[in-house]
Amino acid sequence: MAHEMTLYTYFRSSAAWRARIALNLKGLKPDYCFIHLLKDDQHSADYQHVNPQQLIPALVDDKHIIAQSLAIIEYLDETYPNPPLLPKDAAGRARVRQIAYAIACDIHPINNLRVLHYLRDEFQVTDEQRTQWQRHWIAKGFDAIEKLLAQSDKPGRYCHGNTPTLADICLIPQMGNARRVHVELTAFPTLLRIEETALAHPAFAAARPEVQPDAQ
């Protein structure tokens, strides 16, 4: 029986963007099922059966259904181990996770669509105020990550050394989010350098939102 893999994705979702990068790095080519977040596809009964959280992405690998982008990426890394997305040493893995979690657990959750909609619908926050909210939390998070990377005793072309890791997989989509809301990025030269390196990598380039089949 043929191995079946499906990624539920939306071109602009930074969490789905992470999953796409990881799949590309592993050389995996899943089928894509497109969930249009602005049309509320994520709230459909069919998708709730896949992911009760009603969030993107979700990965179906044969009979296994995995949601949450970091869980998906670590599943892929354990199931398809080459190339590895985490360093071999415990301290290196902790450092990569620290950077990844700073983005995926601290910056991203308070800036995603459902939070922005809640600010608008429940507190009558204007579009400009919502954009200021996003810029504030992205810049605050980036400031800490820039300092962490700039002060590193392990400089490299990527966040940790000279090959992509989970940290870069999280950073590049968040850089895309920052550009979309016009965060001033000149204060983050290390992040900009890593972004330039990563986007020259075919796996990162092919995961960009604007080249996805559902891009609008």
N, C-alpha and C. Protein backbone atom coordinates (compact mmCIF):
# COMPACT_ATOMS: atom_id res chain seq x y z
N MET A 1 0.84 -1.20 0.00
CA MET A 1 0.00 0.00 0.00
C MET A 1 0.88 1.25 0.00
N ALA A 2 0.53 2.21 -0.85
CA ALA A 2 1.31 3.43 -0.96
C ALA A 2 1.23 4.25 0.33
N HIS A 3 2.34 4.87 0.65
CA HIS A 3 2.39 5.75 1.82
C HIS A 3 1.68 7.05 1.48
N GLU A 4 0.76 7.47 2.34
CA GLU A 4 -0.01 8.69 2.09
C GLU A 4 0.30 9.73 3.16
N MET A 5 0.55 10.95 2.70
CA MET A 5 0.82 12.06 3.61
C MET A 5 0.10 13.30 3.09
N THR A 6 -0.61 13.99 3.99
CA THR A 6 -1.35 15.19 3.62
C THR A 6 -1.06 16.29 4.63
N LEU A 7 -0.78 17.47 4.12
CA LEU A 7 -0.63 18.64 4.97
C LEU A 7 -1.81 19.57 4.75
N TYR A 8 -2.52 19.88 5.83
CA TYR A 8 -3.58 20.89 5.79
C TYR A 8 -2.89 22.24 6.01
N THR A 9 -3.04 23.13 5.05
CA THR A 9 -2.22 24.33 5.04
C THR A 9 -3.00 25.53 4.53
N TYR A 10 -2.46 26.70 4.79
CA TYR A 10 -2.97 27.96 4.24
C TYR A 10 -1.74 28.79 3.92
N PHE A 11 -1.70 29.38 2.76
CA PHE A 11 -0.46 29.98 2.27
C PHE A 11 0.13 31.02 3.20
N ARG A 12 -0.71 31.79 3.89
CA ARG A 12 -0.23 32.90 4.70
C ARG A 12 0.00 32.51 6.16
N SER A 13 -0.42 31.34 6.57
CA SER A 13 -0.20 30.90 7.95
C SER A 13 1.28 30.66 8.20
N SER A 14 1.84 31.37 9.18
CA SER A 14 3.26 31.17 9.45
C SER A 14 3.54 29.81 10.08
N ALA A 15 2.57 29.27 10.81
CA ALA A 15 2.74 27.93 11.37
C ALA A 15 2.78 26.88 10.25
N ALA A 16 1.89 27.03 9.26
CA ALA A 16 1.92 26.12 8.12
C ALA A 16 3.19 26.32 7.31
N TRP A 17 3.65 27.56 7.24
CA TRP A 17 4.91 27.87 6.54
C TRP A 17 6.06 27.09 7.18
N ARG A 18 6.10 27.03 8.51
CA ARG A 18 7.13 26.23 9.19
C ARG A 18 7.08 24.78 8.75
N ALA A 19 5.89 24.22 8.74
CA ALA A 19 5.75 22.82 8.37
C ALA A 19 6.21 22.59 6.93
N ARG A 20 5.88 23.51 6.04
CA ARG A 20 6.30 23.38 4.65
C ARG A 20 7.82 23.38 4.52
N ILE A 21 8.49 24.26 5.28
CA ILE A 21 9.95 24.29 5.24
C ILE A 21 10.51 22.95 5.69
N ALA A 22 10.00 22.44 6.81
CA ALA A 22 10.51 21.17 7.33
C ALA A 22 10.31 20.03 6.33
N LEU A 23 9.13 19.97 5.74
CA LEU A 23 8.87 18.93 4.74
C LEU A 23 9.82 19.07 3.56
N ASN A 24 10.06 20.29 3.11
CA ASN A 24 10.99 20.51 2.00
C ASN A 24 12.40 20.09 2.36
N LEU A 25 12.84 20.45 3.56
CA LEU A 25 14.18 20.06 4.00
C LEU A 25 14.34 18.55 4.02
N LYS A 26 13.28 17.86 4.37
CA LYS A 26 13.32 16.39 4.43
C LYS A 26 13.12 15.74 3.06
N GLY A 27 12.82 16.56 2.06
CA GLY A 27 12.57 16.01 0.73
C GLY A 27 11.25 15.29 0.61
N LEU A 28 10.30 15.64 1.46
CA LEU A 28 8.98 15.00 1.45
C LEU A 28 8.00 15.84 0.65
N LYS A 29 7.13 15.19 -0.09
CA LYS A 29 6.17 15.89 -0.95
C LYS A 29 4.75 15.39 -0.64
N PRO A 30 4.14 15.94 0.40
CA PRO A 30 2.79 15.52 0.75
C PRO A 30 1.76 16.09 -0.21
N ASP A 31 0.58 15.54 -0.18
CA ASP A 31 -0.55 16.21 -0.80
C ASP A 31 -0.91 17.41 0.07
N TYR A 32 -1.44 18.45 -0.55
CA TYR A 32 -1.86 19.63 0.20
C TYR A 32 -3.39 19.69 0.19
N CYS A 33 -3.94 19.98 1.36
CA CYS A 33 -5.36 20.28 1.47
C CYS A 33 -5.44 21.72 1.99
N PHE A 34 -6.04 22.59 1.20
CA PHE A 34 -6.01 24.01 1.51
C PHE A 34 -7.20 24.41 2.37
N ILE A 35 -6.88 25.06 3.50
CA ILE A 35 -7.88 25.53 4.45
C ILE A 35 -7.81 27.05 4.46
N HIS A 36 -8.82 27.69 3.90
CA HIS A 36 -8.81 29.15 3.77
C HIS A 36 -9.28 29.77 5.09
N LEU A 37 -8.33 30.35 5.80
CA LEU A 37 -8.65 30.85 7.14
C LEU A 37 -9.61 32.04 7.11
N LEU A 38 -9.52 32.86 6.09
CA LEU A 38 -10.41 34.03 6.03
C LEU A 38 -11.83 33.66 5.62
N LYS A 39 -12.00 32.45 5.09
CA LYS A 39 -13.34 31.95 4.76
C LYS A 39 -13.85 30.99 5.84
N ASP A 40 -13.10 30.89 6.95
CA ASP A 40 -13.48 30.07 8.11
C ASP A 40 -13.55 28.58 7.80
N ASP A 41 -12.76 28.12 6.82
CA ASP A 41 -12.73 26.68 6.53
C ASP A 41 -12.29 25.88 7.74
N GLN A 42 -11.48 26.50 8.61
CA GLN A 42 -10.96 25.78 9.78
C GLN A 42 -12.04 25.42 10.78
N HIS A 43 -13.21 26.07 10.67
CA HIS A 43 -14.31 25.78 11.61
C HIS A 43 -15.31 24.75 11.07
N SER A 44 -15.04 24.23 9.88
CA SER A 44 -15.96 23.24 9.31
C SER A 44 -15.94 21.96 10.11
N ALA A 45 -17.03 21.23 10.05
CA ALA A 45 -17.12 19.96 10.78
C ALA A 45 -16.05 18.98 10.31
N ASP A 46 -15.79 18.97 9.01
CA ASP A 46 -14.79 18.05 8.47
C ASP A 46 -13.40 18.36 9.03
N TYR A 47 -13.06 19.63 9.09
CA TYR A 47 -11.72 19.94 9.59
C TYR A 47 -11.63 19.79 11.11
N GLN A 48 -12.70 20.06 11.82
CA GLN A 48 -12.68 19.83 13.26
C GLN A 48 -12.42 18.37 13.59
N HIS A 49 -12.83 17.48 12.70
CA HIS A 49 -12.54 16.06 12.90
C HIS A 49 -11.04 15.80 12.78
N VAL A 50 -10.37 16.55 11.91
CA VAL A 50 -8.92 16.42 11.75
C VAL A 50 -8.20 17.09 12.92
N ASN A 51 -8.59 18.32 13.24
CA ASN A 51 -7.94 19.07 14.30
C ASN A 51 -8.98 19.80 15.13
N PRO A 52 -9.33 19.27 16.29
CA PRO A 52 -10.35 19.91 17.13
C PRO A 52 -10.00 21.34 17.55
N GLN A 53 -8.71 21.69 17.51
CA GLN A 53 -8.33 23.07 17.84
C GLN A 53 -8.74 24.05 16.75
N GLN A 54 -9.00 23.54 15.56
CA GLN A 54 -9.40 24.39 14.43
C GLN A 54 -8.29 25.37 14.05
N LEU A 55 -7.07 24.89 14.11
CA LEU A 55 -5.91 25.68 13.75
C LEU A 55 -5.15 24.99 12.62
N ILE A 56 -4.34 25.76 11.93
CA ILE A 56 -3.48 25.29 10.86
C ILE A 56 -2.04 25.33 11.38
N PRO A 57 -1.22 24.33 11.03
CA PRO A 57 -1.44 23.22 10.11
C PRO A 57 -1.85 21.95 10.85
N ALA A 58 -2.14 20.92 10.06
CA ALA A 58 -2.27 19.56 10.56
C ALA A 58 -1.64 18.65 9.52
N LEU A 59 -1.00 17.61 10.00
CA LEU A 59 -0.35 16.64 9.12
C LEU A 59 -0.98 15.28 9.32
N VAL A 60 -1.35 14.64 8.24
CA VAL A 60 -1.82 13.26 8.28
C VAL A 60 -0.76 12.41 7.61
N ASP A 61 -0.15 11.53 8.37
CA ASP A 61 0.87 10.63 7.85
C ASP A 61 0.37 9.21 8.03
N ASP A 62 -0.11 8.62 6.93
CA ASP A 62 -0.88 7.37 7.00
C ASP A 62 -2.05 7.57 7.95
N LYS A 63 -2.09 6.86 9.07
CA LYS A 63 -3.22 6.98 9.99
C LYS A 63 -2.93 7.94 11.15
N HIS A 64 -1.77 8.52 11.17
CA HIS A 64 -1.39 9.42 12.26
C HIS A 64 -1.79 10.86 11.91
N ILE A 65 -2.51 11.50 12.81
CA ILE A 65 -2.88 12.90 12.63
C ILE A 65 -2.16 13.72 13.69
N ILE A 66 -1.36 14.68 13.23
CA ILE A 66 -0.58 15.50 14.15
C ILE A 66 -0.88 16.96 13.86
N ALA A 67 -1.25 17.71 14.90
CA ALA A 67 -1.42 19.15 14.79
C ALA A 67 -0.31 19.82 15.59
N GLN A 68 -0.30 21.15 15.57
CA GLN A 68 0.73 21.98 16.18
C GLN A 68 2.04 21.86 15.39
N SER A 69 2.48 22.97 14.84
CA SER A 69 3.62 22.94 13.92
C SER A 69 4.88 22.38 14.55
N LEU A 70 5.17 22.71 15.81
CA LEU A 70 6.39 22.20 16.41
C LEU A 70 6.31 20.69 16.62
N ALA A 71 5.14 20.20 16.97
CA ALA A 71 4.96 18.76 17.11
C ALA A 71 5.13 18.07 15.76
N ILE A 72 4.59 18.69 14.71
CA ILE A 72 4.74 18.14 13.36
C ILE A 72 6.21 18.08 12.97
N ILE A 73 6.94 19.16 13.22
CA ILE A 73 8.34 19.23 12.81
C ILE A 73 9.18 18.21 13.57
N GLU A 74 8.95 18.09 14.87
CA GLU A 74 9.73 17.11 15.63
C GLU A 74 9.33 15.69 15.26
N TYR A 75 8.07 15.45 14.93
CA TYR A 75 7.66 14.14 14.42
C TYR A 75 8.40 13.82 13.12
N LEU A 76 8.44 14.78 12.22
CA LEU A 76 9.15 14.56 10.96
C LEU A 76 10.63 14.29 11.21
N ASP A 77 11.21 15.00 12.16
CA ASP A 77 12.64 14.83 12.44
C ASP A 77 12.94 13.46 13.02
N GLU A 78 12.00 12.94 13.80
CA GLU A 78 12.21 11.61 14.39
C GLU A 78 11.88 10.49 13.41
N THR A 79 10.92 10.74 12.53
CA THR A 79 10.47 9.70 11.60
C THR A 79 11.30 9.67 10.33
N TYR A 80 11.75 10.84 9.90
CA TYR A 80 12.57 10.97 8.70
C TYR A 80 13.84 11.71 9.11
N PRO A 81 14.81 11.03 9.69
CA PRO A 81 15.89 11.70 10.44
C PRO A 81 16.93 12.46 9.63
N ASN A 82 16.93 12.33 8.32
CA ASN A 82 17.94 13.01 7.52
C ASN A 82 17.32 14.00 6.54
N PRO A 83 17.84 15.22 6.50
CA PRO A 83 18.86 15.78 7.39
C PRO A 83 18.25 16.16 8.74
N PRO A 84 19.03 16.09 9.82
CA PRO A 84 18.49 16.41 11.14
C PRO A 84 18.19 17.89 11.29
N LEU A 85 17.14 18.19 12.03
CA LEU A 85 16.73 19.57 12.27
C LEU A 85 17.10 20.06 13.66
N LEU A 86 17.72 19.20 14.45
CA LEU A 86 18.21 19.56 15.78
C LEU A 86 19.65 19.08 15.91
N PRO A 87 20.48 19.82 16.66
CA PRO A 87 21.87 19.40 16.86
C PRO A 87 21.95 18.08 17.62
N LYS A 88 23.13 17.47 17.55
CA LYS A 88 23.32 16.18 18.23
C LYS A 88 23.49 16.34 19.73
N ASP A 89 24.07 17.47 20.17
CA ASP A 89 24.35 17.64 21.59
C ASP A 89 23.17 18.26 22.32
N ALA A 90 23.02 17.92 23.59
CA ALA A 90 21.88 18.39 24.39
C ALA A 90 21.86 19.91 24.52
N ALA A 91 23.04 20.51 24.74
CA ALA A 91 23.09 21.97 24.88
C ALA A 91 22.69 22.65 23.57
N GLY A 92 23.13 22.09 22.46
CA GLY A 92 22.76 22.65 21.16
C GLY A 92 21.26 22.53 20.90
N ARG A 93 20.70 21.37 21.22
CA ARG A 93 19.26 21.19 21.04
C ARG A 93 18.48 22.17 21.90
N ALA A 94 18.94 22.38 23.13
CA ALA A 94 18.25 23.32 24.03
C ALA A 94 18.32 24.74 23.47
N ARG A 95 19.47 25.12 22.93
CA ARG A 95 19.61 26.47 22.38
C ARG A 95 18.69 26.66 21.17
N VAL A 96 18.66 25.68 20.29
CA VAL A 96 17.78 25.78 19.12
C VAL A 96 16.32 25.87 19.56
N ARG A 97 15.94 25.04 20.51
CA ARG A 97 14.56 25.09 21.00
C ARG A 97 14.26 26.41 21.68
N GLN A 98 15.23 26.98 22.40
CA GLN A 98 15.01 28.27 23.05
C GLN A 98 14.64 29.32 22.02
N ILE A 99 15.37 29.37 20.92
CA ILE A 99 15.08 30.34 19.87
C ILE A 99 13.72 30.05 19.23
N ALA A 100 13.49 28.78 18.91
CA ALA A 100 12.23 28.40 18.27
C ALA A 100 11.04 28.70 19.16
N TYR A 101 11.15 28.39 20.45
CA TYR A 101 10.04 28.61 21.36
C TYR A 101 9.80 30.10 21.60
N ALA A 102 10.87 30.90 21.60
CA ALA A 102 10.70 32.35 21.76
C ALA A 102 9.81 32.92 20.67
N ILE A 103 9.89 32.31 19.49
CA ILE A 103 9.05 32.74 18.37
C ILE A 103 7.68 32.07 18.42
N ALA A 104 7.68 30.74 18.48
CA ALA A 104 6.44 29.98 18.32
C ALA A 104 5.55 30.03 19.56
N CYS A 105 6.15 30.27 20.72
CA CYS A 105 5.35 30.26 21.96
C CYS A 105 5.11 31.65 22.53
N ASP A 106 5.98 32.61 22.19
CA ASP A 106 5.85 33.94 22.78
C ASP A 106 5.41 35.02 21.78
N ILE A 107 6.03 35.05 20.61
CA ILE A 107 5.68 36.10 19.64
C ILE A 107 4.41 35.73 18.88
N HIS A 108 4.41 34.55 18.29
CA HIS A 108 3.36 34.20 17.34
C HIS A 108 1.95 34.10 17.96
N PRO A 109 1.77 33.44 19.12
CA PRO A 109 0.40 33.20 19.59
C PRO A 109 -0.41 34.46 19.84
N ILE A 110 0.22 35.53 20.28
CA ILE A 110 -0.55 36.75 20.58
C ILE A 110 -0.73 37.63 19.34
N ASN A 111 -0.24 37.14 18.20
CA ASN A 111 -0.39 37.91 16.96
C ASN A 111 -1.15 37.14 15.89
N ASN A 112 -1.69 35.97 16.24
CA ASN A 112 -2.34 35.19 15.18
C ASN A 112 -3.78 35.67 14.96
N LEU A 113 -4.41 35.10 13.95
CA LEU A 113 -5.67 35.64 13.44
C LEU A 113 -6.77 35.65 14.49
N ARG A 114 -6.90 34.59 15.26
CA ARG A 114 -8.02 34.55 16.20
C ARG A 114 -7.86 35.58 17.32
N VAL A 115 -6.62 35.86 17.71
CA VAL A 115 -6.38 36.90 18.71
C VAL A 115 -6.71 38.28 18.14
N LEU A 116 -6.27 38.52 16.91
CA LEU A 116 -6.56 39.81 16.27
C LEU A 116 -8.05 40.02 16.07
N HIS A 117 -8.75 38.95 15.70
CA HIS A 117 -10.20 39.05 15.55
C HIS A 117 -10.88 39.33 16.89
N TYR A 118 -10.38 38.72 17.95
CA TYR A 118 -10.97 38.95 19.27
C TYR A 118 -10.76 40.41 19.70
N LEU A 119 -9.56 40.93 19.45
CA LEU A 119 -9.31 42.34 19.76
C LEU A 119 -10.28 43.25 19.01
N ARG A 120 -10.53 42.92 17.76
CA ARG A 120 -11.44 43.73 16.94
C ARG A 120 -12.89 43.58 17.40
N ASP A 121 -13.34 42.35 17.59
CA ASP A 121 -14.76 42.10 17.82
C ASP A 121 -15.19 42.40 19.26
N GLU A 122 -14.32 42.12 20.22
CA GLU A 122 -14.71 42.27 21.63
C GLU A 122 -14.30 43.62 22.23
N PHE A 123 -13.25 44.22 21.70
CA PHE A 123 -12.73 45.45 22.27
C PHE A 123 -12.73 46.62 21.29
N GLN A 124 -13.30 46.36 20.10
CA GLN A 124 -13.43 47.42 19.08
C GLN A 124 -12.09 48.09 18.77
N VAL A 125 -11.04 47.31 18.78
CA VAL A 125 -9.72 47.82 18.42
C VAL A 125 -9.69 48.10 16.92
N THR A 126 -9.18 49.23 16.51
CA THR A 126 -9.14 49.58 15.10
C THR A 126 -8.06 48.77 14.38
N ASP A 127 -8.12 48.78 13.05
CA ASP A 127 -7.11 48.07 12.27
C ASP A 127 -5.72 48.61 12.56
N GLU A 128 -5.59 49.92 12.66
CA GLU A 128 -4.28 50.52 12.93
C GLU A 128 -3.78 50.13 14.31
N GLN A 129 -4.67 50.08 15.30
CA GLN A 129 -4.26 49.67 16.64
C GLN A 129 -3.84 48.20 16.67
N ARG A 130 -4.55 47.37 15.91
CA ARG A 130 -4.16 45.96 15.82
C ARG A 130 -2.78 45.82 15.19
N THR A 131 -2.50 46.62 14.16
CA THR A 131 -1.20 46.57 13.52
C THR A 131 -0.11 47.04 14.49
N GLN A 132 -0.39 48.07 15.26
CA GLN A 132 0.57 48.54 16.26
C GLN A 132 0.83 47.45 17.31
N TRP A 133 -0.21 46.74 17.69
CA TRP A 133 -0.08 45.61 18.62
C TRP A 133 0.89 44.59 18.05
N GLN A 134 0.70 44.21 16.79
CA GLN A 134 1.57 43.23 16.16
C GLN A 134 3.02 43.72 16.10
N ARG A 135 3.20 44.96 15.66
CA ARG A 135 4.56 45.50 15.56
C ARG A 135 5.26 45.50 16.92
N HIS A 136 4.51 45.89 17.96
CA HIS A 136 5.11 45.97 19.30
C HIS A 136 5.64 44.62 19.74
N TRP A 137 4.81 43.57 19.64
CA TRP A 137 5.22 42.27 20.19
C TRP A 137 6.26 41.57 19.32
N ILE A 138 6.19 41.80 18.01
CA ILE A 138 7.23 41.23 17.14
C ILE A 138 8.58 41.90 17.44
N ALA A 139 8.58 43.22 17.50
CA ALA A 139 9.84 43.93 17.74
C ALA A 139 10.42 43.58 19.10
N LYS A 140 9.58 43.47 20.10
CA LYS A 140 10.05 43.13 21.45
C LYS A 140 10.69 41.74 21.45
N GLY A 141 10.03 40.80 20.79
CA GLY A 141 10.58 39.45 20.72
C GLY A 141 11.86 39.39 19.89
N PHE A 142 11.87 40.09 18.76
CA PHE A 142 13.05 40.10 17.90
C PHE A 142 14.25 40.73 18.60
N ASP A 143 14.01 41.75 19.41
CA ASP A 143 15.11 42.40 20.13
C ASP A 143 15.85 41.39 21.00
N ALA A 144 15.10 40.55 21.70
CA ALA A 144 15.73 39.55 22.56
C ALA A 144 16.46 38.49 21.74
N ILE A 145 15.85 38.04 20.64
CA ILE A 145 16.48 37.01 19.82
C ILE A 145 17.73 37.56 19.13
N GLU A 146 17.67 38.80 18.65
CA GLU A 146 18.85 39.43 18.05
C GLU A 146 20.01 39.44 19.04
N LYS A 147 19.74 39.83 20.27
CA LYS A 147 20.81 39.87 21.28
C LYS A 147 21.34 38.47 21.56
N LEU A 148 20.44 37.51 21.66
CA LEU A 148 20.86 36.13 21.91
C LEU A 148 21.78 35.63 20.80
N LEU A 149 21.42 35.90 19.56
CA LEU A 149 22.21 35.42 18.43
C LEU A 149 23.51 36.21 18.28
N ALA A 150 23.44 37.53 18.46
CA ALA A 150 24.62 38.36 18.28
C ALA A 150 25.68 38.08 19.34
N GLN A 151 25.26 37.66 20.52
CA GLN A 151 26.19 37.38 21.61
C GLN A 151 26.67 35.92 21.62
N SER A 152 26.26 35.15 20.62
CA SER A 152 26.57 33.73 20.62
C SER A 152 28.06 33.48 20.43
N ASP A 153 28.57 32.45 21.10
CA ASP A 153 29.94 32.01 20.86
C ASP A 153 29.98 30.93 19.79
N LYS A 154 28.83 30.67 19.13
CA LYS A 154 28.74 29.70 18.06
C LYS A 154 28.16 30.36 16.81
N PRO A 155 28.88 31.36 16.28
CA PRO A 155 28.34 32.02 15.09
C PRO A 155 28.31 31.07 13.90
N GLY A 156 27.36 31.31 13.04
CA GLY A 156 27.23 30.49 11.84
C GLY A 156 26.37 31.20 10.83
N ARG A 157 26.16 30.55 9.72
CA ARG A 157 25.35 31.15 8.67
C ARG A 157 23.87 31.15 9.05
N TYR A 158 23.48 30.21 9.91
CA TYR A 158 22.09 30.10 10.37
C TYR A 158 22.03 30.41 11.86
N CYS A 159 20.90 30.18 12.47
CA CYS A 159 20.75 30.50 13.90
C CYS A 159 21.71 29.70 14.77
N HIS A 160 22.02 28.47 14.34
CA HIS A 160 22.91 27.62 15.12
C HIS A 160 23.79 26.85 14.14
N GLY A 161 24.95 27.41 13.86
CA GLY A 161 25.86 26.74 12.95
C GLY A 161 25.56 27.03 11.49
N ASN A 162 25.98 26.14 10.63
CA ASN A 162 25.93 26.38 9.19
C ASN A 162 24.90 25.55 8.45
N THR A 163 24.00 24.93 9.18
CA THR A 163 22.91 24.19 8.54
C THR A 163 21.58 24.60 9.19
N PRO A 164 20.49 24.51 8.45
CA PRO A 164 19.19 24.92 9.00
C PRO A 164 18.75 24.02 10.15
N THR A 165 18.11 24.63 11.12
CA THR A 165 17.54 23.89 12.26
C THR A 165 16.12 24.37 12.51
N LEU A 166 15.52 23.80 13.54
CA LEU A 166 14.19 24.20 13.97
C LEU A 166 14.11 25.70 14.21
N ALA A 167 15.21 26.30 14.70
CA ALA A 167 15.21 27.74 14.98
C ALA A 167 14.98 28.55 13.71
N ASP A 168 15.66 28.20 12.63
CA ASP A 168 15.48 28.91 11.36
C ASP A 168 14.10 28.67 10.78
N ILE A 169 13.60 27.46 10.95
CA ILE A 169 12.27 27.12 10.46
C ILE A 169 11.21 28.01 11.11
N CYS A 170 11.43 28.39 12.37
CA CYS A 170 10.49 29.29 13.05
C CYS A 170 10.78 30.76 12.72
N LEU A 171 12.06 31.10 12.59
CA LEU A 171 12.42 32.50 12.38
C LEU A 171 11.93 33.05 11.04
N ILE A 172 12.14 32.32 9.97
CA ILE A 172 11.87 32.87 8.63
C ILE A 172 10.39 33.23 8.44
N PRO A 173 9.43 32.38 8.81
CA PRO A 173 8.03 32.82 8.70
C PRO A 173 7.71 34.04 9.57
N GLN A 174 8.34 34.12 10.75
CA GLN A 174 8.06 35.28 11.60
C GLN A 174 8.66 36.55 10.99
N MET A 175 9.76 36.43 10.30
CA MET A 175 10.29 37.57 9.56
C MET A 175 9.30 38.00 8.48
N GLY A 176 8.68 37.02 7.83
CA GLY A 176 7.66 37.33 6.84
C GLY A 176 6.48 38.07 7.46
N ASN A 177 6.05 37.63 8.64
CA ASN A 177 4.97 38.32 9.35
C ASN A 177 5.38 39.76 9.66
N ALA A 178 6.61 39.93 10.10
CA ALA A 178 7.10 41.26 10.45
C ALA A 178 7.08 42.19 9.24
N ARG A 179 7.49 41.68 8.10
CA ARG A 179 7.49 42.49 6.89
C ARG A 179 6.06 42.86 6.48
N ARG A 180 5.13 41.95 6.68
CA ARG A 180 3.75 42.21 6.27
C ARG A 180 3.13 43.38 7.04
N VAL A 181 3.56 43.56 8.30
CA VAL A 181 3.01 44.68 9.10
C VAL A 181 4.02 45.81 9.23
N HIS A 182 5.06 45.77 8.41
CA HIS A 182 6.03 46.86 8.29
C HIS A 182 6.77 47.15 9.59
N VAL A 183 7.25 46.08 10.23
CA VAL A 183 8.16 46.25 11.37
C VAL A 183 9.49 46.78 10.83
N GLU A 184 10.08 47.75 11.51
CA GLU A 184 11.39 48.27 11.11
C GLU A 184 12.45 47.24 11.52
N LEU A 185 13.09 46.64 10.53
CA LEU A 185 13.97 45.50 10.79
C LEU A 185 15.45 45.87 10.82
N THR A 186 15.80 47.11 10.57
CA THR A 186 17.21 47.47 10.53
C THR A 186 17.90 47.29 11.89
N ALA A 187 17.11 47.26 12.95
CA ALA A 187 17.68 47.06 14.28
C ALA A 187 18.09 45.61 14.53
N PHE A 188 17.82 44.73 13.56
CA PHE A 188 18.06 43.30 13.76
C PHE A 188 18.96 42.76 12.65
N PRO A 189 20.22 43.21 12.57
CA PRO A 189 21.09 42.81 11.46
C PRO A 189 21.38 41.31 11.43
N THR A 190 21.46 40.68 12.57
CA THR A 190 21.73 39.25 12.59
C THR A 190 20.55 38.47 12.01
N LEU A 191 19.35 38.88 12.38
CA LEU A 191 18.16 38.21 11.84
C LEU A 191 18.08 38.42 10.34
N LEU A 192 18.40 39.60 9.87
CA LEU A 192 18.36 39.88 8.44
C LEU A 192 19.39 39.05 7.68
N ARG A 193 20.56 38.89 8.26
CA ARG A 193 21.61 38.08 7.63
C ARG A 193 21.17 36.63 7.52
N ILE A 194 20.59 36.10 8.58
CA ILE A 194 20.13 34.70 8.57
C ILE A 194 18.99 34.53 7.58
N GLU A 195 18.09 35.52 7.54
CA GLU A 195 16.98 35.46 6.59
C GLU A 195 17.49 35.39 5.17
N GLU A 196 18.48 36.21 4.83
CA GLU A 196 19.03 36.22 3.47
C GLU A 196 19.63 34.86 3.13
N THR A 197 20.35 34.29 4.07
CA THR A 197 20.95 32.97 3.85
C THR A 197 19.87 31.92 3.64
N ALA A 198 18.87 31.93 4.51
CA ALA A 198 17.84 30.90 4.45
C ALA A 198 17.03 30.98 3.16
N LEU A 199 16.66 32.18 2.75
CA LEU A 199 15.80 32.31 1.58
C LEU A 199 16.53 31.95 0.29
N ALA A 200 17.86 31.85 0.35
CA ALA A 200 18.61 31.35 -0.80
C ALA A 200 18.61 29.83 -0.86
N HIS A 201 18.15 29.18 0.19
CA HIS A 201 18.08 27.72 0.25
C HIS A 201 16.79 27.27 -0.44
N PRO A 202 16.87 26.31 -1.35
CA PRO A 202 15.66 25.90 -2.09
C PRO A 202 14.49 25.48 -1.21
N ALA A 203 14.77 24.83 -0.08
CA ALA A 203 13.68 24.37 0.79
C ALA A 203 12.92 25.53 1.39
N PHE A 204 13.61 26.59 1.74
CA PHE A 204 12.96 27.78 2.29
C PHE A 204 12.27 28.57 1.18
N ALA A 205 12.94 28.70 0.04
CA ALA A 205 12.37 29.47 -1.06
C ALA A 205 11.05 28.86 -1.54
N ALA A 206 10.98 27.54 -1.61
CA ALA A 206 9.78 26.87 -2.11
C ALA A 206 8.63 26.90 -1.12
N ALA A 207 8.91 27.24 0.13
CA ALA A 207 7.87 27.29 1.16
C ALA A 207 7.23 28.66 1.30
N ARG A 208 7.76 29.67 0.61
CA ARG A 208 7.25 31.04 0.76
C ARG A 208 5.77 31.12 0.40
N PRO A 209 5.02 31.96 1.10
CA PRO A 209 3.58 32.05 0.84
C PRO A 209 3.23 32.39 -0.59
N GLU A 210 3.98 33.30 -1.19
CA GLU A 210 3.60 33.80 -2.52
C GLU A 210 3.76 32.78 -3.63
N VAL A 211 4.44 31.66 -3.36
CA VAL A 211 4.59 30.64 -4.40
C VAL A 211 3.73 29.40 -4.13
N GLN A 212 2.84 29.47 -3.15
CA GLN A 212 1.98 28.35 -2.85
C GLN A 212 0.80 28.31 -3.85
N PRO A 213 0.27 27.12 -4.10
CA PRO A 213 -0.85 27.00 -5.05
C PRO A 213 -2.09 27.78 -4.65
N ASP A 214 -2.28 28.00 -3.33
CA ASP A 214 -3.47 28.72 -2.87
C ASP A 214 -3.20 30.20 -2.62
N ALA A 215 -2.02 30.69 -3.03
CA ALA A 215 -1.69 32.09 -2.79
C ALA A 215 -2.66 33.01 -3.50
N GLN A 216 -2.96 34.13 -2.83
CA GLN A 216 -3.87 35.12 -3.40
C GLN A 216 -3.21 36.49 -3.40
